Amino acid sequence: MAGYVPESNAGPVDWNDPRNVIAKSPMGTMQVLIIVITICLNAMDGFDVASISYASPGIAKEWGIDSGGLGIVLSMELWGMALGSMFLGGVADKIGRRRTILGCITFMAIGMFLATTVRNPIELSIWRVVTGLGIGGMLAAINAAAAEFSNTRRRDLCVSLMSIGYPIGAVIGGLASKQLLVNHDWRSVFYLGAAASAVLIPTVLLFMPESVHWLAQKQPAGALEKINKSLQHIGQRTVSALPALNAATRKQSIKDIFVFLRFLRQQVHALRNIELCFIKKHQTRNTITKAFRSCPGNQCRAHAFNNFSPANPARSKGW
């Protein structure tokens, strides 16, 4: 390939192994773009998980749900994420990273859109589980994609940047939701998530090829042609033959998916804390509102001070 300059390394490298071509070569512009796409996909995951928290005050008000019922609705997506990471994550090892990512983002878009059509908490819970399935599978697939499209030198950085997308999506999505909820109801949050997910589908189709590592490891029909097509897409040199693999190597990636569960648990714990903060804020706001409504005239200010002021620590626990 014109302009190709391999990274220096101590020992001989088999340049006919496409995985070594990616691992030992400088990252091209398209590889950087693919990492950016994984960051955006992870940001979409972060927003989709947190979206129910942003919409929860409006949901509780419209349907008259107490904190217990609202907590059940909030937890449905987390159950979907757990199932998606275990089962759809394994699918990524069987059908490929790209197909899994496209399938999961489609699940997310459908789940977010149909959440706007529900008429009761049960229907909402069903579509939140569907959305969670897509999110769980997506987290596993993009984690592998970020590692496999980066070289050895930048791999840790690329995977870390991909992980940062999760809280970034939750924060940016929260700011956008705040503006939407000024003039629209809670459904606008899910419309935003559905639209953003839909935009990412053609983005993945156009710019993210199938993982060279997965193709080299599974070696499906036409693997060599597909590998070279992916290598050309990311601006790397092509290879003339497939690497030799034994049966144990072919099955290795199926076990690797369970290593990802620790990462998922950390992300779910972080988002759960965000959800609890929103619920607590909503409950505190309702308590203050009821206190003011129940007090006539000038007694309101004194009642609020006595019950909620930091100057009265015995009665301001939970702030």
C-alpha atoms as a PDB file:
ATOM      1  CA  MET A   1       0.000   0.000   0.000  1.00  0.00           C
ATOM      2  CA  ALA A   2       1.314   3.390  -0.951  1.00  0.00           C
ATOM      3  CA  GLY A   3       2.575   5.382   2.009  1.00  0.00           C
ATOM      4  CA  TYR A   4       2.393   2.397   4.360  1.00  0.00           C
ATOM      5  CA  VAL A   5       4.925   2.586   7.210  1.00  0.00           C
ATOM      6  CA  PRO A   6       4.693  -0.155   9.847  1.00  0.00           C
ATOM      7  CA  GLU A   7       5.409   0.648  13.468  1.00  0.00           C
ATOM      8  CA  SER A   8       8.786  -0.424  14.774  1.00  0.00           C
ATOM      9  CA  ASN A   9       8.769  -3.650  16.751  1.00  0.00           C
ATOM     10  CA  ALA A  10      11.352  -5.856  18.371  1.00  0.00           C
ATOM     11  CA  GLY A  11      10.557  -9.176  16.671  1.00  0.00           C
ATOM     12  CA  PRO A  12       9.424 -10.342  13.231  1.00  0.00           C
ATOM     13  CA  VAL A  13       5.786  -9.697  12.378  1.00  0.00           C
ATOM     14  CA  ASP A  14       3.586 -11.824  10.140  1.00  0.00           C
ATOM     15  CA  TRP A  15       2.229  -9.103   7.865  1.00  0.00           C
ATOM     16  CA  ASN A  16      -0.003 -11.632   6.148  1.00  0.00           C
ATOM     17  CA  ASP A  17      -2.084 -11.826   9.320  1.00  0.00           C
ATOM     18  CA  PRO A  18      -4.640  -9.004   8.992  1.00  0.00           C
ATOM     19  CA  ARG A  19      -4.826  -8.624  12.760  1.00  0.00           C
ATOM     20  CA  ASN A  20      -1.131  -7.789  12.839  1.00  0.00           C
ATOM     21  CA  VAL A  21      -1.634  -5.272  10.035  1.00  0.00           C
ATOM     22  CA  ILE A  22      -4.069  -3.353  12.259  1.00  0.00           C
ATOM     23  CA  ALA A  23      -2.200  -3.941  15.508  1.00  0.00           C
ATOM     24  CA  LYS A  24       1.240  -2.826  14.278  1.00  0.00           C
ATOM     25  CA  SER A  25       0.337  -0.086  11.776  1.00  0.00           C
ATOM     26  CA  PRO A  26      -0.408   3.581  12.445  1.00  0.00           C
ATOM     27  CA  MET A  27      -4.125   4.296  12.731  1.00  0.00           C
ATOM     28  CA  GLY A  28      -5.649   5.902   9.667  1.00  0.00           C
ATOM     29  CA  THR A  29      -8.323   8.597   9.468  1.00  0.00           C
ATOM     30  CA  MET A  30     -11.106   6.062   8.944  1.00  0.00           C
ATOM     31  CA  GLN A  31     -10.065   4.123  12.039  1.00  0.00           C
ATOM     32  CA  VAL A  32     -10.198   7.307  14.083  1.00  0.00           C
ATOM     33  CA  LEU A  33     -13.657   8.002  12.649  1.00  0.00           C
ATOM     34  CA  ILE A  34     -14.805   4.510  13.642  1.00  0.00           C
ATOM     35  CA  ILE A  35     -13.644   5.146  17.216  1.00  0.00           C
ATOM     36  CA  VAL A  36     -15.611   8.412  17.177  1.00  0.00           C
ATOM     37  CA  ILE A  37     -18.666   6.461  15.993  1.00  0.00           C
ATOM     38  CA  THR A  38     -18.295   4.010  18.896  1.00  0.00           C
ATOM     39  CA  ILE A  39     -18.139   6.983  21.262  1.00  0.00           C
ATOM     40  CA  CYS A  40     -21.390   8.312  19.752  1.00  0.00           C
ATOM     41  CA  LEU A  41     -23.016   4.881  20.018  1.00  0.00           C
ATOM     42  CA  ASN A  42     -22.011   4.620  23.660  1.00  0.00           C
ATOM     43  CA  ALA A  43     -23.267   8.156  24.258  1.00  0.00           C
ATOM     44  CA  MET A  44     -26.571   7.058  22.773  1.00  0.00           C
ATOM     45  CA  ASP A  45     -26.614   4.162  25.230  1.00  0.00           C
ATOM     46  CA  GLY A  46     -26.000   6.558  28.110  1.00  0.00           C
ATOM     47  CA  PHE A  47     -28.805   8.868  27.049  1.00  0.00           C
ATOM     48  CA  ASP A  48     -31.270   6.032  26.420  1.00  0.00           C
ATOM     49  CA  VAL A  49     -30.682   4.603  29.895  1.00  0.00           C
ATOM     50  CA  ALA A  50     -30.999   7.983  31.600  1.00  0.00           C
ATOM     51  CA  SER A  51     -33.959   9.148  29.479  1.00  0.00           C
ATOM     52  CA  ILE A  52     -36.511   7.445  31.713  1.00  0.00           C
ATOM     53  CA  SER A  53     -35.113   9.428  34.646  1.00  0.00           C
ATOM     54  CA  TYR A  54     -35.516  12.712  32.773  1.00  0.00           C
ATOM     55  CA  ALA A  55     -39.076  11.773  31.825  1.00  0.00           C
ATOM     56  CA  SER A  56     -40.044  10.322  35.218  1.00  0.00           C
ATOM     57  CA  PRO A  57     -41.530  13.497  36.785  1.00  0.00           C
ATOM     58  CA  GLY A  58     -43.899  13.898  33.828  1.00  0.00           C
ATOM     59  CA  ILE A  59     -44.769  10.199  33.832  1.00  0.00           C
ATOM     60  CA  ALA A  60     -45.535  10.234  37.554  1.00  0.00           C
ATOM     61  CA  LYS A  61     -47.691  13.330  37.184  1.00  0.00           C
ATOM     62  CA  GLU A  62     -49.661  12.087  34.155  1.00  0.00           C
ATOM     63  CA  TRP A  63     -50.414   8.615  35.500  1.00  0.00           C
ATOM     64  CA  GLY A  64     -50.371   9.349  39.227  1.00  0.00           C
ATOM     65  CA  ILE A  65     -47.594   6.824  39.951  1.00  0.00           C
ATOM     66  CA  ASP A  66     -45.992   6.786  43.387  1.00  0.00           C
ATOM     67  CA  SER A  67     -42.256   6.368  43.927  1.00  0.00           C
ATOM     68  CA  GLY A  68     -42.563   2.582  44.271  1.00  0.00           C
ATOM     69  CA  GLY A  69     -44.327   2.153  40.934  1.00  0.00           C
ATOM     70  CA  LEU A  70     -41.959   4.569  39.266  1.00  0.00           C
ATOM     71  CA  GLY A  71     -38.987   2.626  40.583  1.00  0.00           C
ATOM     72  CA  ILE A  72     -40.294  -0.547  38.916  1.00  0.00           C
ATOM     73  CA  VAL A  73     -40.584   1.235  35.556  1.00  0.00           C
ATOM     74  CA  LEU A  74     -37.070   2.640  35.975  1.00  0.00           C
ATOM     75  CA  SER A  75     -35.619  -0.804  36.658  1.00  0.00           C
ATOM     76  CA  MET A  76     -37.109  -2.499  33.583  1.00  0.00           C
ATOM     77  CA  GLU A  77     -34.453  -1.151  31.241  1.00  0.00           C
ATOM     78  CA  LEU A  78     -31.690  -2.374  33.534  1.00  0.00           C
ATOM     79  CA  TRP A  79     -33.104  -5.891  33.336  1.00  0.00           C
ATOM     80  CA  GLY A  80     -33.142  -5.579  29.555  1.00  0.00           C
ATOM     81  CA  MET A  81     -29.519  -4.411  29.592  1.00  0.00           C
ATOM     82  CA  ALA A  82     -28.440  -7.411  31.637  1.00  0.00           C
ATOM     83  CA  LEU A  83     -30.184  -9.830  29.277  1.00  0.00           C
ATOM     84  CA  GLY A  84     -28.895  -8.017  26.205  1.00  0.00           C
ATOM     85  CA  SER A  85     -25.289  -8.040  27.372  1.00  0.00           C
ATOM     86  CA  MET A  86     -25.371 -11.777  28.048  1.00  0.00           C
ATOM     87  CA  PHE A  87     -27.287 -12.994  25.002  1.00  0.00           C
ATOM     88  CA  LEU A  88     -26.923 -10.352  22.287  1.00  0.00           C
ATOM     89  CA  GLY A  89     -23.294  -9.872  23.254  1.00  0.00           C
ATOM     90  CA  GLY A  90     -22.742 -13.531  22.407  1.00  0.00           C
ATOM     91  CA  VAL A  91     -24.520 -12.966  19.102  1.00  0.00           C
ATOM     92  CA  ALA A  92     -21.765 -10.495  18.156  1.00  0.00           C
ATOM     93  CA  ASP A  93     -19.334 -13.413  18.223  1.00  0.00           C
ATOM     94  CA  LYS A  94     -21.546 -15.428  15.898  1.00  0.00           C
ATOM     95  CA  ILE A  95     -22.837 -12.972  13.289  1.00  0.00           C
ATOM     96  CA  GLY A  96     -20.248 -10.191  13.567  1.00  0.00           C
ATOM     97  CA  ARG A  97     -19.796  -6.831  15.286  1.00  0.00           C
ATOM     98  CA  ARG A  98     -21.318  -4.705  12.527  1.00  0.00           C
ATOM     99  CA  ARG A  99     -24.539  -6.703  12.207  1.00  0.00           C
ATOM    100  CA  THR A 100     -24.972  -6.808  15.963  1.00  0.00           C
ATOM    101  CA  ILE A 101     -24.455  -3.052  16.284  1.00  0.00           C
ATOM    102  CA  LEU A 102     -26.979  -2.387  13.516  1.00  0.00           C
ATOM    103  CA  GLY A 103     -29.494  -4.766  15.090  1.00  0.00           C
ATOM    104  CA  CYS A 104     -29.078  -3.275  18.553  1.00  0.00           C
ATOM    105  CA  ILE A 105     -29.367   0.339  17.415  1.00  0.00           C
ATOM    106  CA  THR A 106     -32.544  -0.641  15.543  1.00  0.00           C
ATOM    107  CA  PHE A 107     -33.906  -2.210  18.746  1.00  0.00           C
ATOM    108  CA  MET A 108     -33.118   0.998  20.585  1.00  0.00           C
ATOM    109  CA  ALA A 109     -34.758   3.241  18.000  1.00  0.00           C
ATOM    110  CA  ILE A 110     -37.922   1.124  17.921  1.00  0.00           C
ATOM    111  CA  GLY A 111     -38.109   0.866  21.707  1.00  0.00           C
ATOM    112  CA  MET A 112     -37.631   4.603  22.190  1.00  0.00           C
ATOM    113  CA  PHE A 113     -40.213   5.503  19.555  1.00  0.00           C
ATOM    114  CA  LEU A 114     -42.878   3.056  20.740  1.00  0.00           C
ATOM    115  CA  ALA A 115     -42.403   4.288  24.320  1.00  0.00           C
ATOM    116  CA  THR A 116     -44.159   7.466  23.154  1.00  0.00           C
ATOM    117  CA  THR A 117     -47.304   5.504  22.194  1.00  0.00           C
ATOM    118  CA  VAL A 118     -47.933   3.797  25.534  1.00  0.00           C
ATOM    119  CA  ARG A 119     -51.031   4.325  27.660  1.00  0.00           C
ATOM    120  CA  ASN A 120     -49.997   2.795  30.988  1.00  0.00           C
ATOM    121  CA  PRO A 121     -46.894   1.822  33.000  1.00  0.00           C
ATOM    122  CA  ILE A 122     -47.040  -1.823  31.896  1.00  0.00           C
ATOM    123  CA  GLU A 123     -46.748  -0.944  28.205  1.00  0.00           C
ATOM    124  CA  LEU A 124     -43.949   1.500  28.982  1.00  0.00           C
ATOM    125  CA  SER A 125     -42.095  -1.172  30.953  1.00  0.00           C
ATOM    126  CA  ILE A 126     -42.289  -3.583  27.998  1.00  0.00           C
ATOM    127  CA  TRP A 127     -40.730  -1.111  25.589  1.00  0.00           C
ATOM    128  CA  ARG A 128     -38.093  -0.128  28.117  1.00  0.00           C
ATOM    129  CA  VAL A 129     -37.054  -3.788  28.317  1.00  0.00           C
ATOM    130  CA  VAL A 130     -36.808  -3.866  24.507  1.00  0.00           C
ATOM    131  CA  THR A 131     -34.661  -0.728  24.572  1.00  0.00           C
ATOM    132  CA  GLY A 132     -32.511  -2.255  27.314  1.00  0.00           C
ATOM    133  CA  LEU A 133     -31.906  -5.363  25.228  1.00  0.00           C
ATOM    134  CA  GLY A 134     -30.495  -3.189  22.464  1.00  0.00           C
ATOM    135  CA  ILE A 135     -28.367  -1.181  24.891  1.00  0.00           C
ATOM    136  CA  GLY A 136     -26.880  -4.274  26.551  1.00  0.00           C
ATOM    137  CA  GLY A 137     -25.978  -5.868  23.238  1.00  0.00           C
ATOM    138  CA  MET A 138     -24.617  -2.576  21.945  1.00  0.00           C
ATOM    139  CA  LEU A 139     -22.299  -2.106  24.915  1.00  0.00           C
ATOM    140  CA  ALA A 140     -20.700  -5.498  24.318  1.00  0.00           C
ATOM    141  CA  ALA A 141     -20.368  -5.031  20.549  1.00  0.00           C
ATOM    142  CA  ILE A 142     -18.867  -1.530  20.560  1.00  0.00           C
ATOM    143  CA  ASN A 143     -16.454  -2.487  23.313  1.00  0.00           C
ATOM    144  CA  ALA A 144     -15.068  -5.177  20.990  1.00  0.00           C
ATOM    145  CA  ALA A 145     -15.198  -2.912  17.924  1.00  0.00           C
ATOM    146  CA  ALA A 146     -13.227  -0.115  19.600  1.00  0.00           C
ATOM    147  CA  ALA A 147     -10.498  -2.561  20.594  1.00  0.00           C
ATOM    148  CA  GLU A 148     -10.373  -4.338  17.244  1.00  0.00           C
ATOM    149  CA  PHE A 149     -10.201  -1.257  15.018  1.00  0.00           C
ATOM    150  CA  SER A 150      -7.370   0.336  17.025  1.00  0.00           C
ATOM    151  CA  ASN A 151      -3.689  -0.538  16.961  1.00  0.00           C
ATOM    152  CA  THR A 152      -1.771  -1.901  19.924  1.00  0.00           C
ATOM    153  CA  ARG A 153      -0.251   1.453  20.809  1.00  0.00           C
ATOM    154  CA  ARG A 154      -3.581   3.307  20.971  1.00  0.00           C
ATOM    155  CA  ARG A 155      -5.907   0.483  22.013  1.00  0.00           C
ATOM    156  CA  ASP A 156      -6.202   1.362  25.691  1.00  0.00           C
ATOM    157  CA  LEU A 157      -6.820   5.012  24.829  1.00  0.00           C
ATOM    158  CA  CYS A 158      -9.456   4.163  22.236  1.00  0.00           C
ATOM    159  CA  VAL A 159     -11.370   1.837  24.554  1.00  0.00           C
ATOM    160  CA  SER A 160     -11.207   4.450  27.322  1.00  0.00           C
ATOM    161  CA  LEU A 161     -12.523   7.149  25.002  1.00  0.00           C
ATOM    162  CA  MET A 162     -15.342   4.861  23.938  1.00  0.00           C
ATOM    163  CA  SER A 163     -16.267   4.310  27.598  1.00  0.00           C
ATOM    164  CA  ILE A 164     -16.340   8.068  28.240  1.00  0.00           C
ATOM    165  CA  GLY A 165     -19.153   8.375  25.713  1.00  0.00           C
ATOM    166  CA  TYR A 166     -21.580   6.776  28.176  1.00  0.00           C
ATOM    167  CA  PRO A 167     -21.667   9.555  30.806  1.00  0.00           C
ATOM    168  CA  ILE A 168     -21.241  12.216  28.114  1.00  0.00           C
ATOM    169  CA  GLY A 169     -24.428  11.007  26.442  1.00  0.00           C
ATOM    170  CA  ALA A 170     -26.302  11.060  29.739  1.00  0.00           C
ATOM    171  CA  VAL A 171     -25.163  14.626  30.503  1.00  0.00           C
ATOM    172  CA  ILE A 172     -25.757  16.094  27.037  1.00  0.00           C
ATOM    173  CA  GLY A 173     -29.046  14.244  26.763  1.00  0.00           C
ATOM    174  CA  GLY A 174     -30.082  15.627  30.128  1.00  0.00           C
ATOM    175  CA  LEU A 175     -29.367  19.204  29.029  1.00  0.00           C
ATOM    176  CA  ALA A 176     -31.301  18.681  25.799  1.00  0.00           C
ATOM    177  CA  SER A 177     -34.193  17.058  27.664  1.00  0.00           C
ATOM    178  CA  LYS A 178     -34.350  19.989  30.061  1.00  0.00           C
ATOM    179  CA  GLN A 179     -34.953  22.345  27.148  1.00  0.00           C
ATOM    180  CA  LEU A 180     -37.511  20.048  25.539  1.00  0.00           C
ATOM    181  CA  LEU A 181     -39.508  19.602  28.736  1.00  0.00           C
ATOM    182  CA  VAL A 182     -40.027  23.354  29.031  1.00  0.00           C
ATOM    183  CA  ASN A 183     -42.594  23.347  26.221  1.00  0.00           C
ATOM    184  CA  HIS A 184     -43.297  19.635  25.647  1.00  0.00           C
ATOM    185  CA  ASP A 185     -44.370  16.618  27.686  1.00  0.00           C
ATOM    186  CA  TRP A 186     -42.228  13.645  28.740  1.00  0.00           C
ATOM    187  CA  ARG A 187     -42.691  11.882  25.392  1.00  0.00           C
ATOM    188  CA  SER A 188     -40.421  14.428  23.726  1.00  0.00           C
ATOM    189  CA  VAL A 189     -37.447  12.866  25.549  1.00  0.00           C
ATOM    190  CA  PHE A 190     -38.110   9.529  23.846  1.00  0.00           C
ATOM    191  CA  TYR A 191     -38.704  11.179  20.475  1.00  0.00           C
ATOM    192  CA  LEU A 192     -35.244  12.697  20.790  1.00  0.00           C
ATOM    193  CA  GLY A 193     -33.708   9.318  21.621  1.00  0.00           C
ATOM    194  CA  ALA A 194     -35.483   7.596  18.739  1.00  0.00           C
ATOM    195  CA  ALA A 195     -34.362  10.254  16.244  1.00  0.00           C
ATOM    196  CA  ALA A 196     -30.740  10.177  17.413  1.00  0.00           C
ATOM    197  CA  SER A 197     -30.678   6.364  17.265  1.00  0.00           C
ATOM    198  CA  ALA A 198     -32.161   6.397  13.759  1.00  0.00           C
ATOM    199  CA  VAL A 199     -29.459   8.810  12.545  1.00  0.00           C
ATOM    200  CA  LEU A 200     -26.727   6.433  13.734  1.00  0.00           C
ATOM    201  CA  ILE A 201     -28.031   3.529  11.624  1.00  0.00           C
ATOM    202  CA  PRO A 202     -26.904   4.917   8.226  1.00  0.00           C
ATOM    203  CA  THR A 203     -23.743   6.242   9.886  1.00  0.00           C
ATOM    204  CA  VAL A 204     -22.724   2.709  10.872  1.00  0.00           C
ATOM    205  CA  LEU A 205     -23.760   1.343   7.465  1.00  0.00           C
ATOM    206  CA  LEU A 206     -21.600   3.859   5.608  1.00  0.00           C
ATOM    207  CA  PHE A 207     -18.482   4.131   7.737  1.00  0.00           C
ATOM    208  CA  MET A 208     -18.059   1.012   9.897  1.00  0.00           C
ATOM    209  CA  PRO A 209     -17.021  -2.205   8.091  1.00  0.00           C
ATOM    210  CA  GLU A 210     -17.050  -5.629   9.674  1.00  0.00           C
ATOM    211  CA  SER A 211     -14.299  -6.247  12.219  1.00  0.00           C
ATOM    212  CA  VAL A 212     -11.152  -7.693  10.633  1.00  0.00           C
ATOM    213  CA  HIS A 213     -10.397  -9.530  13.877  1.00  0.00           C
ATOM    214  CA  TRP A 214     -13.794 -11.241  13.829  1.00  0.00           C
ATOM    215  CA  LEU A 215     -13.473 -12.185  10.163  1.00  0.00           C
ATOM    216  CA  ALA A 216      -9.966 -13.575  10.710  1.00  0.00           C
ATOM    217  CA  GLN A 217     -11.066 -15.539  13.753  1.00  0.00           C
ATOM    218  CA  LYS A 218     -14.336 -16.972  12.418  1.00  0.00           C
ATOM    219  CA  GLN A 219     -13.351 -17.143   8.745  1.00  0.00           C
ATOM    220  CA  PRO A 220     -16.851 -17.333   7.216  1.00  0.00           C
ATOM    221  CA  ALA A 221     -17.412 -17.930   3.477  1.00  0.00           C
ATOM    222  CA  GLY A 222     -15.505 -15.350   1.437  1.00  0.00           C
ATOM    223  CA  ALA A 223     -13.523 -14.298   4.507  1.00  0.00           C
ATOM    224  CA  LEU A 224     -10.383 -13.249   2.627  1.00  0.00           C
ATOM    225  CA  GLU A 225     -12.314 -10.978   0.268  1.00  0.00           C
ATOM    226  CA  LYS A 226     -14.247  -9.462   3.162  1.00  0.00           C
ATOM    227  CA  ILE A 227     -11.083  -8.927   5.194  1.00  0.00           C
ATOM    228  CA  ASN A 228      -9.348  -7.125   2.334  1.00  0.00           C
ATOM    229  CA  LYS A 229     -12.453  -5.015   1.744  1.00  0.00           C
ATOM    230  CA  SER A 230     -12.437  -3.952   5.403  1.00  0.00           C
ATOM    231  CA  LEU A 231      -8.687  -3.276   5.311  1.00  0.00           C
ATOM    232  CA  GLN A 232      -9.068  -1.123   2.204  1.00  0.00           C
ATOM    233  CA  HIS A 233     -11.940   0.754   3.825  1.00  0.00           C
ATOM    234  CA  ILE A 234      -9.763   1.765   6.786  1.00  0.00           C
ATOM    235  CA  GLY A 235      -6.730   2.517   4.611  1.00  0.00           C
ATOM    236  CA  GLN A 236      -4.534  -0.460   5.528  1.00  0.00           C
ATOM    237  CA  ARG A 237      -2.592  -2.924   3.368  1.00  0.00           C
ATOM    238  CA  THR A 238      -4.355  -6.068   2.144  1.00  0.00           C
ATOM    239  CA  VAL A 239      -3.294  -9.678   2.735  1.00  0.00           C
ATOM    240  CA  SER A 240      -2.951 -12.625   0.375  1.00  0.00           C
ATOM    241  CA  ALA A 241      -4.066 -15.487   2.622  1.00  0.00           C
ATOM    242  CA  LEU A 242      -6.050 -16.239   5.764  1.00  0.00           C
ATOM    243  CA  PRO A 243      -4.198 -16.932   9.024  1.00  0.00           C
ATOM    244  CA  ALA A 244      -4.216 -20.518  10.267  1.00  0.00           C
ATOM    245  CA  LEU A 245      -6.396 -21.017  13.337  1.00  0.00           C
ATOM    246  CA  ASN A 246      -7.106 -23.999  15.533  1.00  0.00           C
ATOM    247  CA  ALA A 247     -10.495 -24.909  17.005  1.00  0.00           C
ATOM    248  CA  ALA A 248      -9.663 -23.476  20.447  1.00  0.00           C
ATOM    249  CA  THR A 249      -8.864 -20.073  18.978  1.00  0.00           C
ATOM    250  CA  ARG A 250     -12.146 -20.004  17.059  1.00  0.00           C
ATOM    251  CA  LYS A 251     -14.128 -20.492  20.279  1.00  0.00           C
ATOM    252  CA  GLN A 252     -12.071 -18.140  22.459  1.00  0.00           C
ATOM    253  CA  SER A 253     -14.118 -15.013  21.824  1.00  0.00           C
ATOM    254  CA  ILE A 254     -17.288 -16.633  23.180  1.00  0.00           C
ATOM    255  CA  LYS A 255     -15.662 -16.753  26.622  1.00  0.00           C
ATOM    256  CA  ASP A 256     -14.302 -13.228  26.317  1.00  0.00           C
ATOM    257  CA  ILE A 257     -17.808 -11.725  26.448  1.00  0.00           C
ATOM    258  CA  PHE A 258     -18.138 -12.460  30.169  1.00  0.00           C
ATOM    259  CA  VAL A 259     -15.144 -10.238  30.927  1.00  0.00           C
ATOM    260  CA  PHE A 260     -17.338  -7.373  29.745  1.00  0.00           C
ATOM    261  CA  LEU A 261     -19.896  -7.914  32.513  1.00  0.00           C
ATOM    262  CA  ARG A 262     -17.677  -6.046  35.011  1.00  0.00           C
ATOM    263  CA  PHE A 263     -17.703  -2.996  32.707  1.00  0.00           C
ATOM    264  CA  LEU A 264     -21.494  -3.257  32.328  1.00  0.00           C
ATOM    265  CA  ARG A 265     -21.996  -3.467  36.087  1.00  0.00           C
ATOM    266  CA  GLN A 266     -19.986  -0.281  36.595  1.00  0.00           C
ATOM    267  CA  GLN A 267     -21.997   1.573  33.946  1.00  0.00           C
ATOM    268  CA  VAL A 268     -25.340   0.393  35.349  1.00  0.00           C
ATOM    269  CA  HIS A 269     -24.290   1.438  38.873  1.00  0.00           C
ATOM    270  CA  ALA A 270     -23.380   4.920  37.638  1.00  0.00           C
ATOM    271  CA  LEU A 271     -26.671   5.366  35.780  1.00  0.00           C
ATOM    272  CA  ARG A 272     -28.627   4.006  38.733  1.00  0.00           C
ATOM    273  CA  ASN A 273     -27.130   6.753  40.894  1.00  0.00           C
ATOM    274  CA  ILE A 274     -28.302   9.310  38.336  1.00  0.00           C
ATOM    275  CA  GLU A 275     -31.811   7.833  38.426  1.00  0.00           C
ATOM    276  CA  LEU A 276     -31.913   7.937  42.224  1.00  0.00           C
ATOM    277  CA  CYS A 277     -30.848  11.600  42.170  1.00  0.00           C
ATOM    278  CA  PHE A 278     -33.680  12.494  39.799  1.00  0.00           C
ATOM    279  CA  ILE A 279     -36.259  10.577  41.844  1.00  0.00           C
ATOM    280  CA  LYS A 280     -35.045  12.198  45.053  1.00  0.00           C
ATOM    281  CA  LYS A 281     -35.134  15.645  43.478  1.00  0.00           C
ATOM    282  CA  HIS A 282     -38.674  15.021  42.232  1.00  0.00           C
ATOM    283  CA  GLN A 283     -39.860  13.806  45.644  1.00  0.00           C
ATOM    284  CA  THR A 284     -38.254  16.770  47.451  1.00  0.00           C
ATOM    285  CA  ARG A 285     -39.829  19.247  45.023  1.00  0.00           C
ATOM    286  CA  ASN A 286     -43.277  17.709  45.606  1.00  0.00           C
ATOM    287  CA  THR A 287     -42.788  17.853  49.379  1.00  0.00           C
ATOM    288  CA  ILE A 288     -41.850  21.546  49.273  1.00  0.00           C
ATOM    289  CA  THR A 289     -44.779  22.325  46.959  1.00  0.00           C
ATOM    290  CA  LYS A 290     -47.248  20.586  49.287  1.00  0.00           C
ATOM    291  CA  ALA A 291     -45.798  22.427  52.285  1.00  0.00           C
ATOM    292  CA  PHE A 292     -46.314  25.823  50.665  1.00  0.00           C
ATOM    293  CA  ARG A 293     -49.823  24.969  49.503  1.00  0.00           C
ATOM    294  CA  SER A 294     -50.837  23.839  52.976  1.00  0.00           C
ATOM    295  CA  CYS A 295     -49.703  27.051  54.710  1.00  0.00           C
ATOM    296  CA  PRO A 296     -51.796  30.217  54.644  1.00  0.00           C
ATOM    297  CA  GLY A 297     -50.191  33.593  54.187  1.00  0.00           C
ATOM    298  CA  ASN A 298     -46.876  34.397  55.880  1.00  0.00           C
ATOM    299  CA  GLN A 299     -46.733  31.028  57.656  1.00  0.00           C
ATOM    300  CA  CYS A 300     -45.394  29.423  54.450  1.00  0.00           C
ATOM    301  CA  ARG A 301     -41.938  30.938  54.742  1.00  0.00           C
ATOM    302  CA  ALA A 302     -41.529  29.953  58.385  1.00  0.00           C
ATOM    303  CA  HIS A 303     -42.868  26.426  57.749  1.00  0.00           C
ATOM    304  CA  ALA A 304     -40.473  25.870  54.858  1.00  0.00           C
ATOM    305  CA  PHE A 305     -37.525  27.152  56.902  1.00  0.00           C
ATOM    306  CA  ASN A 306     -38.332  24.919  59.845  1.00  0.00           C
ATOM    307  CA  ASN A 307     -38.719  21.795  57.723  1.00  0.00           C
ATOM    308  CA  PHE A 308     -36.168  22.177  54.927  1.00  0.00           C
ATOM    309  CA  SER A 309     -33.486  24.613  56.005  1.00  0.00           C
ATOM    310  CA  PRO A 310     -29.925  23.328  56.576  1.00  0.00           C
ATOM    311  CA  ALA A 311     -30.084  25.393  59.764  1.00  0.00           C
ATOM    312  CA  ASN A 312     -32.382  22.677  61.113  1.00  0.00           C
ATOM    313  CA  PRO A 313     -30.286  19.504  60.562  1.00  0.00           C
ATOM    314  CA  ALA A 314     -32.682  17.275  62.482  1.00  0.00           C
ATOM    315  CA  ARG A 315     -35.407  17.886  59.883  1.00  0.00           C
ATOM    316  CA  SER A 316     -33.405  18.336  56.707  1.00  0.00           C
ATOM    317  CA  LYS A 317     -32.004  14.825  56.363  1.00  0.00           C
ATOM    318  CA  GLY A 318     -31.966  13.581  52.807  1.00  0.00           C
ATOM    319  CA  TRP A 319     -31.050  16.915  51.240  1.00  0.00           C
END
